[in-house]
Amino acid sequence: MSNKTTFGILFIGFGIIWLLNNFGIINSPSFGNWISILLVASGTWKLVASQFKSIISSTILIVLGVVSGLLQLNIIQWSDINKALLPIIVILCGVALLSRNIKKS
């Protein structure tokens, strides 16, 4: 099984558990504590395993993990994220487009 398949299955599983936990269907209080660590660790592992070629997706995982941790520690609030989310998504899309063009050249 390839790394992409393994990561895909893991992320689908974590996403389902996270979603069910958020809606109160299952009660997993410790899951929220682990999600930030798992995201940062998987982003770092992906970055190192790809020999720093998979920068965009690895960075997204690491940033999601850091933001999740900051939210859990109440250092930032959801309102702060909502103000910055769309501009950050637009910036990341632009970076992704530029990095694809650089790789093709």
Protein backbone atom coordinates (compact mmCIF):
# COMPACT_ATOMS: atom_id res chain seq x y z
CA MET A 1 0.00 0.00 0.00
CA SER A 2 1.42 3.40 -0.96
CA ASN A 3 1.94 6.32 1.42
CA LYS A 4 -0.86 8.27 -0.26
CA THR A 5 -3.32 5.43 0.32
CA THR A 6 -2.25 5.04 3.94
CA PHE A 7 -2.52 8.78 4.60
CA GLY A 8 -5.87 8.92 2.83
CA ILE A 9 -7.33 6.13 4.96
CA LEU A 10 -5.93 7.64 8.17
CA PHE A 11 -7.28 11.09 7.41
CA ILE A 12 -10.72 9.79 6.47
CA GLY A 13 -10.82 7.83 9.73
CA PHE A 14 -9.66 10.78 11.84
CA GLY A 15 -12.06 13.09 10.04
CA ILE A 16 -15.02 10.82 10.70
CA ILE A 17 -14.14 10.45 14.39
CA TRP A 18 -13.60 14.22 14.68
CA LEU A 19 -16.92 14.97 12.98
CA LEU A 20 -18.85 12.48 15.14
CA ASN A 21 -17.17 13.91 18.24
CA ASN A 22 -18.07 17.49 17.26
CA PHE A 23 -21.74 16.59 16.81
CA GLY A 24 -21.87 14.68 20.10
CA ILE A 25 -22.61 11.32 18.46
CA ILE A 26 -19.59 9.82 20.19
CA ASN A 27 -17.90 11.18 23.28
CA SER A 28 -14.17 11.18 22.87
CA PRO A 29 -12.81 14.04 24.97
CA SER A 30 -9.18 13.01 24.52
CA PHE A 31 -9.45 12.93 20.72
CA GLY A 32 -9.42 16.73 20.54
CA ASN A 33 -6.18 16.76 22.48
CA TRP A 34 -4.48 14.40 20.03
CA ILE A 35 -5.65 15.87 16.70
CA SER A 36 -3.18 18.78 16.76
CA ILE A 37 -0.28 16.51 17.57
CA LEU A 38 -1.31 14.05 14.86
CA LEU A 39 -1.62 16.79 12.23
CA VAL A 40 1.76 18.34 13.03
CA ALA A 41 3.45 14.93 13.19
CA SER A 42 1.95 13.73 9.91
CA GLY A 43 2.83 17.00 8.17
CA THR A 44 6.40 16.78 9.41
CA TRP A 45 6.68 13.09 8.48
CA LYS A 46 5.29 13.79 5.00
CA LEU A 47 7.72 16.66 4.50
CA VAL A 48 10.74 14.57 5.53
CA ALA A 49 9.58 11.42 3.68
CA SER A 50 9.19 13.38 0.45
CA GLN A 51 12.68 14.86 0.92
CA PHE A 52 11.13 18.32 1.18
CA LYS A 53 9.40 18.06 -2.20
CA SER A 54 5.86 18.01 -0.79
CA ILE A 55 6.06 21.43 0.84
CA ILE A 56 2.52 22.72 0.23
CA SER A 57 0.51 19.79 1.60
CA SER A 58 2.93 19.26 4.48
CA THR A 59 2.73 22.92 5.44
CA ILE A 60 -1.07 22.81 5.35
CA LEU A 61 -1.09 19.85 7.75
CA ILE A 62 1.38 21.52 10.10
CA VAL A 63 -0.53 24.83 10.08
CA LEU A 64 -3.84 23.03 10.74
CA GLY A 65 -2.22 21.24 13.69
CA VAL A 66 -0.78 24.44 15.13
CA VAL A 67 -4.08 26.31 14.74
CA SER A 68 -5.95 23.40 16.34
CA GLY A 69 -3.55 23.46 19.28
CA LEU A 70 -3.86 27.22 19.69
CA LEU A 71 -7.65 26.90 19.69
CA GLN A 72 -7.52 24.19 22.36
CA LEU A 73 -5.28 26.34 24.53
CA ASN A 74 -7.62 29.35 24.04
CA ILE A 75 -4.78 31.44 22.66
CA ILE A 76 -6.85 32.25 19.58
CA GLN A 77 -10.64 32.21 19.08
CA TRP A 78 -12.82 31.03 16.18
CA SER A 79 -13.69 34.65 15.40
CA ASP A 80 -9.99 35.30 14.71
CA ILE A 81 -9.89 32.37 12.33
CA ASN A 82 -13.04 33.46 10.52
CA LYS A 83 -11.51 36.88 9.84
CA ALA A 84 -8.39 35.37 8.33
CA LEU A 85 -9.65 32.13 6.77
CA LEU A 86 -10.75 33.26 3.31
CA PRO A 87 -7.73 35.51 2.69
CA ILE A 88 -5.41 32.71 3.78
CA ILE A 89 -7.16 30.22 1.47
CA VAL A 90 -6.78 32.65 -1.44
CA ILE A 91 -3.09 33.15 -0.63
CA LEU A 92 -2.49 29.39 -0.39
CA CYS A 93 -4.24 28.83 -3.72
CA GLY A 94 -1.97 31.42 -5.30
CA VAL A 95 1.12 29.80 -3.80
CA ALA A 96 -0.02 26.39 -5.05
CA LEU A 97 -0.54 27.75 -8.57
CA LEU A 98 2.88 29.40 -8.57
CA SER A 99 4.62 26.29 -7.27
CA ARG A 100 3.03 24.18 -10.03
CA ASN A 101 4.22 26.63 -12.65
CA ILE A 102 7.75 26.61 -11.23
CA LYS A 103 7.85 22.79 -11.25
CA LYS A 104 6.73 22.68 -14.91
CA SER A 105 9.40 25.15 -16.02
